[in-house]
Every structure is written in structure tokens, then in C-alpha cells.
Amino acid sequence: MMRANKRILSYICLVGVILMAWSVGLSNAQKLLRLEETVELRYTADRLTLDQVKEVEKGETESENKLIKGVVAWKQTSKQTFKNEELEKSIEGDLLEVYGQLTLLLPQDKLIGQNLYKGDSEGAIITKGVAEQLWGSTDVVGKTFKHEEREYVVRGILQDATKSIVVQVNEKSKDAQFSALRLVMMEQGNIEEHLNTLRSKYSLPEGIVNNLSLKSIGLSNLVLLPGGLLGTYVLLKLYYFIYKTHRYWVSALLLGLIAICTTWMMSELVPFTFQLPAYMIPNQWSDIEFWSNLVNKIGENKAMLDALPSYLPDYWYQTLQTNLIISFTLTMVGIMLFIKKMKLNTGKELFVRVLLAIVISFVSILVMYGIGEEVGVIRAFWVVIPMYLVIDFLITKWKTLFEIQ
């Protein structure tokens, strides 16, 4: 009995870790997907003027063929002094001066209080680290502090440990300049091509491209891989059963599953290739020189980005990226261990379970639609089926081990 309980506990822990890691990965992928139409230009110095950003904003608002639906520019200055004169406290931190749609830059789910409205030259958003250093508390919305003899009112607090403060640039400023520009494109098409059009149209200075769209799409597709692995394993086991029995009706249903698998491949992987920048697609895939030059170009661009200072928005992205990679690794290891322990019967029982998993997946999708949630059908399908099979496996193992007793 003791041995059986230990085995049950090990199965529960394994499945629990897999589902927990998987859910973390899916959650982070969903947050990253909001950058799927986003590209940035980074500069080694404050080269972008406020007038240039305004020209882009005004030109795209009035244009009939809009290329972008949002723009925000910023610069970050380090070693700035912020004072709380009431408590006679002061700290050094980073000052992030922003012009444009601040919601495109900072994660709203981590903000306590309200965001800065456009033109709010008296308000500021501070990080949790600043609040704790200046006031010893995070309940400071509405309180004031000073920077260079100018007083600011705390509008919101960002759940971040760094010592950073975000303010809006005065729209009437004549000498305001920025070191970064983030653009949200209207389409997910060739973002690189649209970016070149914008640079030419508004005479934007050349900068280092940070293609957040390409990164976010690639990372978000990564979390579907464990589900595809487990689903493929089950399909192979089912195919082995059909190969042994040669039942026509089962073969017909299997073809339906293979069609669904192909649909997933087409809907998820093929569109990804259309979102690649033009410079990443060769005339001939066997052109070795092209791939060599591409690797060098990507490496050089990455090296230039790494050489630039990190900004407050970067920490949010890097945290999501790290969490997603860790959760993906744990999920993959867990799935491999799960498959090693998984002993699926190669008969009617397996077939019924797969069909039941398909039915439950579609019911789950319909329920989500019913409550007004947006659902990617193919994505949801390839997440629900493996999850159901994992849970079903755990229940079956539990029952089997108790029946042995």
C-alpha cells in the first residue's frame, strides 16, 4: 500500500508540474502576443526629435492608407535625483521621458492606480522600488516628489523592483529628443518593408531595428510544441493499432485526425513564414552564401542591441521571455518523462479516449466563445486535447493502482 501511494504521489507531482509549467508558458505567450505587430528603432544617442515623432503621428492619423496604429517614443536618463521633501528622503534612479501612447510601452496589468494621459506634464508613474525607498510604502498614489526643483504627482505605481520614474514630455518643448521609437503596425505582413516606407516617408534617422513582432510570434508558437509532441505520440500509437487491425472505419477517422494535424501545421507554421522580413527569405533555399550572410547580419544587429543600455520596458519583456523559456523547458522535460511512463492500450480504449478528448476540446472552445472570450480554435484544440489526455492518464493510473490493492 505504501509503495502504491508513493507511485500515485509521483504521478500527481509529475502531472502537476507539467500543467503548472504549461499554464505559465501559455500565459506569458499570451502577453507576448500583444507585440506581434510591433517593431522598434533604437539609437546610440538621442537622435530622434519631438517634431519628427509628431510628424509621424499626425501624418498617419490623416493618411487614408495608414501603416501604423500606434506610436510611442522615449529616452531614459540614469543617475537622476528624486526627493521626498516631506520625509527628507532622496534616491538616485532612472528617468524615462515619454511621448505618445504610454499604454503601448508599459504593462497595464502591473500598474496600480492610473496611467498618464497624453499631455499630463505634472503626473508621474513610479516603480515599486521608488515608492518603498522614498515613502517606505506602496500606498502613495496622489503624493508628490521633486526632480530638479519640479514637482510631480504620483498617478500610478508599476510593480517593478527597479528605481525608475516615468513622465510625459512637454508637447511644447523645442529641444526634446529621444533614443527609442516603438511602432505598432496596422498589419502583420512584412513589417520590415513597412518600417522602411515609414523611415523614407518621414525622414526618420537610421537606427538599430528591434523586431519585437518576430520574437513574440516565434516564442508564442514555442509553447504549442509540447502539446504537438504529446498529440503526435497518441496519434502514432493509434496508427499502430490500426496497422495491426486494418479496420476501415478506424482508418477513416484517423485520416480525419491527420487532417486536423495538417490544418494546425498550415494555420500556425505557414503564416509564420509570411511574417518573416523579406531579407530572411532567399531566392533559393540551398543558397549557402545567403544563409551565411543572414546569420552574420542577425548577429551584428543583436550585438548592437546588446551594446545599448536597457530601458524600463526591456525588463518587462525580458522577464516574460525568461519565464516562457523556463516553463517551456520544464514542460518538455515533463512531457518526455510522462511519455516514458505512459502505457496507452493499443485498442478500442485508446481510440475512445482520443475521440472523447476531441469532443471535450470543441466543447471547451464553444463554451469560451459563449462567455465572450476570444479563442484561437486551432491553438485551443491542440492545448485541450493533450491536457485532457494527461488528466485521463492520471485518473486511470490512480484507479489501476488502487484496484491492485
Protein backbone atom coordinates (compact mmCIF):
# COMPACT_ATOMS: atom_id res chain seq x y z
CA MET A 1 0.00 0.00 0.00
CA MET A 2 2.83 2.40 0.92
CA ARG A 3 4.57 1.72 -2.38
CA ALA A 4 1.35 2.32 -4.33
CA ASN A 5 0.78 5.62 -2.52
CA LYS A 6 4.31 6.77 -3.40
CA ARG A 7 3.73 5.93 -7.05
CA ILE A 8 0.44 7.82 -7.04
CA LEU A 9 2.13 10.80 -5.41
CA SER A 10 4.91 10.74 -8.03
CA TYR A 11 2.31 10.72 -10.84
CA ILE A 12 0.41 13.61 -9.23
CA CYS A 13 3.62 15.65 -8.84
CA LEU A 14 4.70 14.94 -12.43
CA VAL A 15 1.34 15.91 -13.94
CA GLY A 16 1.06 18.91 -11.61
CA VAL A 17 4.46 20.27 -12.67
CA ILE A 18 3.64 19.73 -16.35
CA LEU A 19 0.28 21.52 -16.13
CA MET A 20 1.69 24.33 -13.98
CA ALA A 21 4.66 24.92 -16.31
CA TRP A 22 2.42 24.68 -19.35
CA SER A 23 -0.08 27.21 -17.99
CA VAL A 24 2.75 29.65 -17.13
CA GLY A 25 4.11 29.29 -20.66
CA LEU A 26 0.68 29.88 -22.23
CA SER A 27 0.05 32.90 -20.00
CA ASN A 28 3.39 34.51 -20.90
CA ALA A 29 2.89 33.70 -24.59
CA GLN A 30 -0.48 35.48 -24.49
CA LYS A 31 1.18 38.59 -23.03
CA LEU A 32 3.97 38.46 -25.61
CA LEU A 33 1.47 38.17 -28.45
CA ARG A 34 0.40 41.76 -27.90
CA LEU A 35 3.75 42.67 -29.50
CA GLU A 36 3.09 40.66 -32.67
CA GLU A 37 2.72 43.84 -34.76
CA THR A 38 5.45 45.83 -33.02
CA VAL A 39 8.86 47.00 -34.19
CA GLU A 40 11.33 49.37 -32.58
CA LEU A 41 14.11 51.67 -33.71
CA ARG A 42 16.89 52.12 -31.16
CA TYR A 43 19.57 54.81 -31.32
CA THR A 44 23.01 55.06 -29.73
CA ALA A 45 22.20 58.68 -28.76
CA ASP A 46 19.15 60.97 -28.51
CA ARG A 47 18.79 61.49 -32.28
CA LEU A 48 15.01 61.45 -32.78
CA THR A 49 13.34 64.85 -32.32
CA LEU A 50 9.88 65.51 -30.91
CA ASP A 51 8.87 67.21 -34.18
CA GLN A 52 9.71 64.04 -36.14
CA VAL A 53 7.56 61.90 -33.84
CA LYS A 54 4.70 64.40 -34.08
CA GLU A 55 5.01 64.37 -37.86
CA VAL A 56 4.68 60.55 -37.92
CA GLU A 57 1.70 60.71 -35.56
CA LYS A 58 -0.08 63.45 -37.49
CA GLY A 59 0.74 62.04 -40.93
CA GLU A 60 -0.58 58.55 -40.10
CA THR A 61 -3.73 59.98 -38.47
CA GLU A 62 -4.58 61.94 -41.62
CA SER A 63 -3.44 59.29 -44.11
CA GLU A 64 -6.01 57.17 -45.98
CA ASN A 65 -3.57 54.25 -46.20
CA LYS A 66 -2.34 54.02 -42.63
CA LEU A 67 0.76 51.94 -41.91
CA ILE A 68 0.68 52.23 -38.13
CA LYS A 69 -1.98 52.35 -35.43
CA GLY A 70 0.19 53.49 -32.53
CA VAL A 71 3.48 55.21 -31.78
CA VAL A 72 5.50 55.99 -28.68
CA ALA A 73 8.99 57.46 -28.27
CA TRP A 74 11.15 57.71 -25.18
CA LYS A 75 14.55 58.32 -23.69
CA GLN A 76 15.95 57.18 -20.38
CA THR A 77 18.42 59.17 -18.30
CA SER A 78 20.25 57.46 -15.45
CA LYS A 79 21.58 58.80 -12.13
CA GLN A 80 18.75 61.30 -11.61
CA THR A 81 17.91 62.51 -8.10
CA PHE A 82 14.33 62.32 -6.80
CA LYS A 83 13.36 63.94 -3.49
CA ASN A 84 10.59 63.48 -0.94
CA GLU A 85 10.93 66.77 0.95
CA GLU A 86 8.21 65.89 3.43
CA LEU A 87 10.18 62.89 4.78
CA GLU A 88 13.57 64.37 3.80
CA LYS A 89 14.44 61.36 1.69
CA SER A 90 16.11 61.18 -1.73
CA ILE A 91 17.22 58.46 -4.12
CA GLU A 92 19.04 58.10 -7.43
CA GLY A 93 17.29 56.35 -10.29
CA ASP A 94 16.37 56.38 -13.98
CA LEU A 95 14.07 58.97 -15.54
CA LEU A 96 12.03 57.75 -18.52
CA GLU A 97 10.65 60.65 -20.58
CA VAL A 98 7.88 59.54 -22.95
CA TYR A 99 5.83 60.98 -25.80
CA GLY A 100 2.93 59.06 -27.36
CA GLN A 101 0.68 56.21 -26.26
CA LEU A 102 2.11 55.09 -22.93
CA THR A 103 -0.15 52.01 -22.94
CA LEU A 104 1.99 50.64 -25.79
CA LEU A 105 5.06 50.74 -23.60
CA LEU A 106 4.25 49.59 -20.07
CA PRO A 107 2.25 46.51 -18.94
CA GLN A 108 -1.13 47.70 -17.66
CA ASP A 109 -1.72 44.57 -15.57
CA LYS A 110 1.21 45.56 -13.35
CA LEU A 111 0.04 49.14 -12.79
CA ILE A 112 -1.59 50.26 -9.53
CA GLY A 113 -3.53 53.50 -9.93
CA GLN A 114 -3.95 55.17 -13.32
CA ASN A 115 -1.83 55.72 -16.40
CA LEU A 116 -0.59 59.10 -17.60
CA TYR A 117 -2.99 60.74 -20.02
CA LYS A 118 -1.47 62.47 -23.02
CA GLY A 119 -0.14 65.90 -22.14
CA ASP A 120 -0.07 65.21 -18.39
CA SER A 121 3.10 67.14 -17.60
CA GLU A 122 2.53 67.12 -13.83
CA GLY A 123 1.91 63.41 -13.28
CA ALA A 124 4.37 60.55 -12.98
CA ILE A 125 4.42 56.78 -12.76
CA ILE A 126 6.92 55.36 -10.29
CA THR A 127 8.11 51.82 -9.75
CA LYS A 128 7.55 49.87 -6.56
CA GLY A 129 11.28 50.24 -5.82
CA VAL A 130 11.00 54.04 -5.82
CA ALA A 131 7.86 54.03 -3.66
CA GLU A 132 9.49 51.87 -1.00
CA GLN A 133 12.68 53.97 -0.95
CA LEU A 134 11.01 57.40 -0.83
CA TRP A 135 7.95 56.62 1.32
CA GLY A 136 8.50 53.14 2.77
CA SER A 137 5.13 52.10 1.32
CA THR A 138 3.38 51.46 -2.00
CA ASP A 139 0.22 53.31 -0.94
CA VAL A 140 1.47 56.61 -2.35
CA VAL A 141 -0.86 57.45 -5.27
CA GLY A 142 -1.54 61.19 -5.11
CA LYS A 143 1.61 62.03 -3.17
CA THR A 144 4.25 64.41 -4.57
CA PHE A 145 8.02 64.37 -5.10
CA LYS A 146 10.56 66.65 -6.75
CA HIS A 147 13.05 66.29 -9.59
CA GLU A 148 15.28 69.26 -10.43
CA GLU A 149 13.01 71.65 -8.49
CA ARG A 150 9.97 70.45 -10.45
CA GLU A 151 7.11 68.83 -8.54
CA TYR A 152 5.32 65.70 -9.80
CA VAL A 153 2.19 63.91 -8.57
CA VAL A 154 2.26 60.09 -8.40
CA ARG A 155 -0.51 58.83 -10.72
CA GLY A 156 0.37 55.14 -10.65
CA ILE A 157 2.83 52.55 -9.36
CA LEU A 158 4.43 49.94 -11.58
CA GLN A 159 5.12 46.55 -9.97
CA ASP A 160 8.83 46.60 -10.73
CA ALA A 161 11.82 46.47 -8.39
CA THR A 162 13.95 48.90 -10.43
CA LYS A 163 14.29 52.53 -9.38
CA SER A 164 12.61 54.24 -12.33
CA ILE A 165 10.18 57.12 -12.85
CA VAL A 166 8.10 57.72 -16.00
CA VAL A 167 6.95 61.21 -17.03
CA GLN A 168 5.38 62.73 -20.14
CA VAL A 169 7.47 65.05 -22.29
CA ASN A 170 6.09 68.58 -22.58
CA GLU A 171 4.46 68.74 -26.03
CA LYS A 172 5.60 72.34 -26.48
CA SER A 173 9.24 71.53 -25.80
CA LYS A 174 11.54 72.64 -28.61
CA ASP A 175 14.64 70.62 -27.70
CA ALA A 176 13.12 67.25 -26.67
CA GLN A 177 14.88 64.28 -28.27
CA PHE A 178 14.51 60.51 -27.95
CA SER A 179 16.66 57.40 -28.22
CA ALA A 180 13.93 54.84 -29.00
CA LEU A 181 10.78 54.66 -31.13
CA ARG A 182 8.14 51.91 -30.94
CA LEU A 183 5.66 51.49 -33.79
CA VAL A 184 2.57 49.26 -33.83
CA MET A 185 1.80 48.30 -37.44
CA MET A 186 -1.65 48.01 -38.96
CA GLU A 187 -0.84 44.61 -40.45
CA GLN A 188 1.24 41.58 -39.52
CA GLY A 189 2.62 41.42 -43.04
CA ASN A 190 6.16 42.36 -43.92
CA ILE A 191 6.87 44.71 -41.02
CA GLU A 192 10.42 45.35 -42.23
CA GLU A 193 9.08 46.69 -45.54
CA HIS A 194 6.55 48.96 -43.80
CA LEU A 195 9.26 50.25 -41.49
CA ASN A 196 11.46 51.19 -44.45
CA THR A 197 8.48 53.02 -46.00
CA LEU A 198 7.93 55.00 -42.78
CA ARG A 199 11.62 55.89 -42.50
CA SER A 200 11.62 57.19 -46.06
CA LYS A 201 8.26 58.97 -45.79
CA TYR A 202 9.06 60.88 -42.58
CA SER A 203 12.87 61.12 -42.92
CA LEU A 204 13.47 59.18 -39.72
CA PRO A 205 17.13 58.70 -38.76
CA GLU A 206 18.63 55.26 -39.36
CA GLY A 207 18.66 53.14 -36.21
CA ILE A 208 19.10 49.61 -34.92
CA VAL A 209 16.00 47.51 -35.59
CA ASN A 210 14.49 45.56 -32.70
CA ASN A 211 11.84 43.35 -34.33
CA LEU A 212 9.59 42.51 -31.38
CA SER A 213 6.93 41.09 -33.70
CA LEU A 214 9.19 38.32 -34.99
CA LYS A 215 10.38 37.44 -31.49
CA SER A 216 6.90 37.39 -29.98
CA ILE A 217 5.42 35.21 -32.74
CA GLY A 218 8.31 32.74 -32.53
CA LEU A 219 8.16 32.48 -28.73
CA SER A 220 4.37 32.18 -28.61
CA ASN A 221 4.46 29.30 -31.10
CA LEU A 222 7.10 27.60 -28.96
CA VAL A 223 4.61 26.82 -26.18
CA LEU A 224 2.46 24.81 -28.61
CA LEU A 225 5.30 22.33 -29.18
CA PRO A 226 4.73 20.20 -26.04
CA GLY A 227 1.07 19.76 -26.97
CA GLY A 228 2.03 18.82 -30.50
CA LEU A 229 4.56 16.29 -29.18
CA LEU A 230 2.04 14.57 -26.92
CA GLY A 231 -0.69 14.70 -29.55
CA THR A 232 1.66 13.20 -32.17
CA TYR A 233 2.64 10.43 -29.77
CA VAL A 234 -1.00 9.48 -29.24
CA LEU A 235 -1.69 9.56 -32.99
CA LEU A 236 1.28 7.26 -33.64
CA LYS A 237 0.05 4.82 -31.01
CA LEU A 238 -3.38 4.91 -32.62
CA TYR A 239 -1.86 4.36 -36.06
CA TYR A 240 -0.01 1.31 -34.73
CA PHE A 241 -3.33 -0.13 -33.54
CA ILE A 242 -4.93 0.48 -36.96
CA TYR A 243 -1.95 -1.04 -38.73
CA LYS A 244 -2.45 -4.23 -36.70
CA THR A 245 -6.24 -4.42 -37.08
CA HIS A 246 -6.76 -2.97 -40.61
CA ARG A 247 -10.21 -1.64 -39.71
CA TYR A 248 -11.51 0.63 -42.45
CA TRP A 249 -13.76 2.85 -40.29
CA VAL A 250 -10.97 3.46 -37.81
CA SER A 251 -8.61 4.34 -40.65
CA ALA A 252 -11.13 6.85 -41.98
CA LEU A 253 -11.38 8.56 -38.60
CA LEU A 254 -7.60 8.56 -38.29
CA LEU A 255 -7.39 10.38 -41.61
CA GLY A 256 -9.68 13.00 -40.07
CA LEU A 257 -7.24 13.42 -37.16
CA ILE A 258 -4.32 13.68 -39.57
CA ALA A 259 -6.26 16.33 -41.49
CA ILE A 260 -6.71 18.28 -38.26
CA CYS A 261 -2.98 17.94 -37.55
CA THR A 262 -2.22 19.22 -41.06
CA THR A 263 -4.65 22.11 -40.53
CA TRP A 264 -2.78 23.06 -37.39
CA MET A 265 0.54 22.94 -39.23
CA MET A 266 -0.82 25.10 -42.03
CA SER A 267 -2.58 27.61 -39.77
CA GLU A 268 0.29 28.03 -37.31
CA LEU A 269 3.56 27.43 -39.15
CA VAL A 270 2.86 28.59 -42.70
CA PRO A 271 1.57 32.08 -41.73
CA PHE A 272 4.70 32.48 -39.63
CA THR A 273 6.80 32.35 -42.81
CA PHE A 274 4.73 35.20 -44.31
CA GLN A 275 5.54 37.34 -41.27
CA LEU A 276 9.26 36.95 -41.83
CA PRO A 277 11.12 40.05 -43.05
CA ALA A 278 11.96 39.98 -46.75
CA TYR A 279 15.69 39.81 -46.04
CA MET A 280 15.20 36.41 -44.34
CA ILE A 281 13.67 34.70 -47.40
CA PRO A 282 16.16 33.55 -50.10
CA ASN A 283 15.53 33.13 -53.81
CA GLN A 284 16.87 29.61 -53.45
CA TRP A 285 16.78 27.77 -50.12
CA SER A 286 20.04 25.97 -51.00
CA ASP A 287 21.97 29.25 -51.26
CA ILE A 288 24.66 28.68 -48.59
CA GLU A 289 26.14 32.15 -49.02
CA PHE A 290 22.74 33.75 -48.34
CA TRP A 291 22.32 31.87 -45.05
CA SER A 292 25.88 32.71 -44.00
CA ASN A 293 25.34 36.43 -44.65
CA LEU A 294 21.94 36.31 -42.91
CA VAL A 295 23.43 34.77 -39.76
CA ASN A 296 26.14 37.43 -39.75
CA LYS A 297 23.59 40.23 -40.22
CA ILE A 298 21.36 38.96 -37.41
CA GLY A 299 24.39 38.50 -35.16
CA GLU A 300 25.64 42.03 -35.83
CA ASN A 301 22.19 43.53 -35.18
CA LYS A 302 21.88 41.59 -31.93
CA ALA A 303 25.36 42.67 -30.84
CA MET A 304 24.45 46.32 -31.45
CA LEU A 305 21.22 45.95 -29.47
CA ASP A 306 23.06 44.26 -26.60
CA ALA A 307 25.56 47.12 -26.53
CA LEU A 308 22.77 49.66 -25.93
CA PRO A 309 21.56 50.39 -22.40
CA SER A 310 18.48 48.52 -21.14
CA TYR A 311 15.32 50.55 -20.64
CA LEU A 312 12.44 50.01 -18.23
CA PRO A 313 10.22 48.43 -20.98
CA ASP A 314 13.00 45.92 -21.68
CA TYR A 315 12.87 44.46 -18.18
CA TRP A 316 9.20 43.53 -18.64
CA TYR A 317 9.91 41.82 -21.96
CA GLN A 318 13.00 40.02 -20.68
CA THR A 319 11.08 38.74 -17.62
CA LEU A 320 8.33 37.32 -19.85
CA GLN A 321 10.89 35.78 -22.18
CA THR A 322 12.80 34.16 -19.32
CA ASN A 323 9.62 32.80 -17.71
CA LEU A 324 8.44 31.40 -21.05
CA ILE A 325 11.74 29.63 -21.79
CA ILE A 326 11.92 28.14 -18.27
CA SER A 327 8.31 26.95 -18.39
CA PHE A 328 8.82 25.52 -21.88
CA THR A 329 11.89 23.58 -20.73
CA LEU A 330 10.07 22.18 -17.69
CA THR A 331 7.07 21.25 -19.83
CA MET A 332 9.22 19.47 -22.41
CA VAL A 333 11.13 17.51 -19.75
CA GLY A 334 7.85 16.65 -18.02
CA ILE A 335 6.22 15.53 -21.28
CA MET A 336 9.21 13.29 -22.08
CA LEU A 337 9.02 11.67 -18.63
CA PHE A 338 5.25 11.40 -19.00
CA ILE A 339 5.55 9.61 -22.36
CA LYS A 340 8.13 7.25 -20.88
CA LYS A 341 5.71 6.28 -18.08
CA MET A 342 2.59 6.42 -20.22
CA LYS A 343 1.36 2.95 -21.22
CA LEU A 344 -1.56 3.55 -23.54
CA ASN A 345 -3.53 0.50 -24.61
CA THR A 346 -3.40 -0.08 -28.36
CA GLY A 347 -7.09 -0.94 -28.79
CA LYS A 348 -10.62 0.37 -28.59
CA GLU A 349 -9.94 2.06 -25.25
CA LEU A 350 -7.27 4.31 -26.72
CA PHE A 351 -9.44 5.15 -29.70
CA VAL A 352 -12.40 6.13 -27.50
CA ARG A 353 -10.17 8.32 -25.32
CA VAL A 354 -8.78 10.23 -28.28
CA LEU A 355 -12.27 10.82 -29.70
CA LEU A 356 -13.51 11.91 -26.27
CA ALA A 357 -10.58 14.33 -25.99
CA ILE A 358 -11.52 15.85 -29.35
CA VAL A 359 -15.15 16.28 -28.31
CA ILE A 360 -14.16 17.88 -24.98
CA SER A 361 -11.77 20.24 -26.76
CA PHE A 362 -14.51 21.50 -29.09
CA VAL A 363 -16.99 21.83 -26.21
CA SER A 364 -14.40 23.86 -24.26
CA ILE A 365 -13.85 26.13 -27.26
CA LEU A 366 -17.61 26.67 -27.71
CA VAL A 367 -18.00 27.47 -24.00
CA MET A 368 -15.23 30.09 -24.25
CA TYR A 369 -16.94 31.65 -27.25
CA GLY A 370 -20.23 31.54 -25.34
CA ILE A 371 -18.88 33.66 -22.48
CA GLY A 372 -17.45 36.21 -24.90
CA GLU A 373 -13.77 35.24 -24.83
CA GLU A 374 -11.56 35.35 -27.92
CA VAL A 375 -10.22 31.89 -28.75
CA GLY A 376 -7.83 30.67 -31.43
CA VAL A 377 -9.61 27.45 -32.45
CA ILE A 378 -6.57 25.54 -33.68
CA ARG A 379 -4.42 26.70 -30.76
CA ALA A 380 -7.11 25.78 -28.23
CA PHE A 381 -7.67 22.43 -29.90
CA TRP A 382 -4.01 21.46 -29.57
CA VAL A 383 -3.88 22.57 -25.95
CA VAL A 384 -7.09 21.00 -24.63
CA ILE A 385 -6.58 17.53 -26.16
CA PRO A 386 -3.15 16.86 -24.59
CA MET A 387 -4.29 18.32 -21.26
CA TYR A 388 -7.32 16.04 -21.23
CA LEU A 389 -5.16 13.00 -22.06
CA VAL A 390 -2.76 13.90 -19.25
CA ILE A 391 -5.58 14.18 -16.71
CA ASP A 392 -7.23 10.99 -18.01
CA PHE A 393 -3.91 9.16 -17.67
CA LEU A 394 -3.58 10.31 -14.05
CA ILE A 395 -7.12 9.13 -13.19
CA THR A 396 -6.57 5.78 -14.91
CA LYS A 397 -3.28 5.19 -13.09
CA TRP A 398 -4.89 6.10 -9.78
CA LYS A 399 -7.75 3.64 -10.31
CA THR A 400 -5.42 0.88 -11.51
CA LEU A 401 -3.08 1.18 -8.53
CA PHE A 402 -5.99 1.04 -6.07
CA GLU A 403 -7.50 -1.95 -7.86
CA ILE A 404 -4.22 -3.81 -7.36
CA GLN A 405 -4.69 -3.45 -3.64
